[in-house]
Amino acid sequence: MSAESFKRKLTAILSADVKGYSRLMGDNEAETVRTLTAYRIIMGELIQQHRGRVIDSPGDNILAEFASVVDAVQCSVAVQNEFKARNAELPENRRMVFRIGVNLGDVIEEEGRIYGDGVNIAARLEALAEPGGICISKTAFDHIESKLPLGYQFLGEQTVKNIAKPVGAYKVLMEPRVLPVEEKKKTKEGSFWQRKPVLAGAVAVLIMLIGAAVWNFYLRAPKIEPASKERMAFPLPDKPSIAVLPFANMSGDPGQDFLVDGITENIITALSSVPELFVVARNSTFTFKGKAVNVQRVAEELGVRYVLEGSILRSEDRIRVSAQLIDALNGHHLWAERYDRELKDLFALQDDLTMKILNGMALKLIHGEQALHPRAPKSLETYIKMMQGFDYLRHSHIDSNNRARLIGEEIITIEPGYWGGHLLVGSVHMMDYWLGSTRNPVQSLNMAIEHVEKSAALTDRKGNALEVLGYLYSMNKDYDKAIEVGEQAIAMIPNGADAHAWLAMSLNHAGRPEEALPLFEKAVRLNPIPPAFYYLNNGHSYSLLGRFEEAVALYKKALQLTPNSAPAYSALAATYGLMGREKEAKAAAAELLRIDPKFSVEYAAKANPAKRPADTEKFVQGLRKAGLK
């Protein structure tokens, strides 16, 4: 190992492992792996929240480092308290109890890994810790003795394997109170405290209360770096703004992702219907899914003040939802809540959580506490299937669209009166029309309208159905009705980014692109990391207005998100053709034919829903100039 390949540094090291891991594996290997996976995720999140990083996690061991010993010990206490609460719900023989050791020492760092006695001592301290406990070295203790409201018990100088000198060790007493660090000399007979037992007791209680307060405000909620208004990508709205991050799936089962994502989506949808709020759309917040979350960065990238994050754990017929609302501008946790419910109470739980968010943001629903979600399906499995179907639909691909169709038809068969199944099937028929994967486009369009109209009729909260329905009417060349229904959708979901985009698309079809532009602008503000169809159809607005350079830039953005989009390449080829840029037009046409060898200008002209014949003629002219037939 050359001197150039590594560096030395002083760092705080946390080492943790599971007590009795071999026995747990021997009793039930699959269940142990599931629990360990869930606990690893929890510990990883807590480490990151306390400004640490996981170095390695072999077997049942987790190794992490922190720049601060205070952060390392705070994190250790948070981990043990969280696992204690979770273990209380498990059978005694299935509880997974960790031991944690913390050391401050010199280490060698190479390619992100750390080595040396500093790491080895942390591992030996971990072995000295009691199950569910924390053991720290004297070097660590010296840095936190007066900084944390914790008690410590000196365990003496410990001789540990492969370490030349004995290591001073301390047991961390995790109750929020201050206890002696080492055994003190006995107080003299007749001391003040012995003479004043009542006063001594009162002081002890006061110390405990102060310790508990410090614990709640500083240890359980690590400080967050405040976001900066000046660094925000967008100006803050003039009303309370929030981004709901995708909740973490803590079950260790990827199959539960649809349930977890569905709960997040429903909270976003419910909040979007409140006119007094500004709510960032799902598409933007879900770009943070599975990533280490930095609340400051989220707020600055999306231009919001409040951030909601949380986790969900499903165990058979019960569910636990943990959530916290953060004021990113101040770096403060406004509240944290944990719900333990039966799965049959899922939608009531979502209502409770949504109301808690509103109250946490100091808002009142002026329309009353009306139902915050559309009518729920009778079966949770139906709900999960619907989430899967819409996930397939978002891929905008023939195969995934056919999978969504099968799921939607199954939902309608099982529960024909459920609005979600009809909205899904209607959207599938609309996608058939877009993708050109239907032999009868007119029939597909009519089927789409029929199912989405049924969906709207089956729920009082019909905004999500109406936003799609308005666009379908415009595709069917019923332009006035399309715009009327699109405006109704925005009135019902004023924070609906897609509702604004769908109405803007209808205005394009109606030959009113100048009115579409501000709606697209609002849609992108509500959804700062938008899907490709925003860019594609916003490009159409500029193309219809003859602002071809701006149109091309947006078509290219759409293609960055969906590189095999036939509609984007056809629009790009036509626009380049109209600009007289023959080389670029033919290159775009070649890509279009690679993706859709059966493409024809005649079909494109028939499928174009433009009200003004001149708009269709211009589009066809551009395609022919690109060499397409």
Foldseek 3Di string as FASTA:
>chain_A
DDPVQKDKDKWKKKKKFWPPLVVLCVVPVVLSVQQLQLLVVVLQLLCVLLVKHWQDCPDRMTMIIHRALVSVVLSLLLSLVVLVVVQVPPPPVNRTWMFMFMETDMWMDGPSHTDDPRHVVRVQQSVVADTSWYKYWVRSCVRCVPPAQWEKEWPAFADTPPDDGTTTMITIHSQLHYDDHYDDDDDDPPDPCVVPVVVVVVVRVVRSVVSVVCCVFDSNRPFADAADQVLAPDHADPAAEEEEAQEAESSSDVLCSLVSNLLSQLLQQLVLQQPRYAYAHPQQRDVCPPHNDRPNVSCRDLVHQKYKYWHWHDDVQKIKIKMWIARRNRRGTLDIDIDIGGNVCSQVVSLVVSVVVCVSSVHDRPVPSDRRGWDDDPDVVLSSLLSQLVVLLVLLDPVSLVVSLVSLVVSCVVPVLALSSLQSNLSSLVSCLQVVVDPDNVVSLVSSLVSLVSSQVSTPLNLVSLLVNLLSVLLVVVLVSSLVSLVVSCNRRVNALSSLQSNLLSCLQALNLVVSQVSLVSSCSSHVPDALVSLQSNLSSCVSVVNLVSSLVSLVVSCVRVVLRLSSLLQNLLSCQVVVVQVSNLVSVVSNCVNPVPDALVSVLVSRSHPDVVSSVSSSNSNVSNVGD
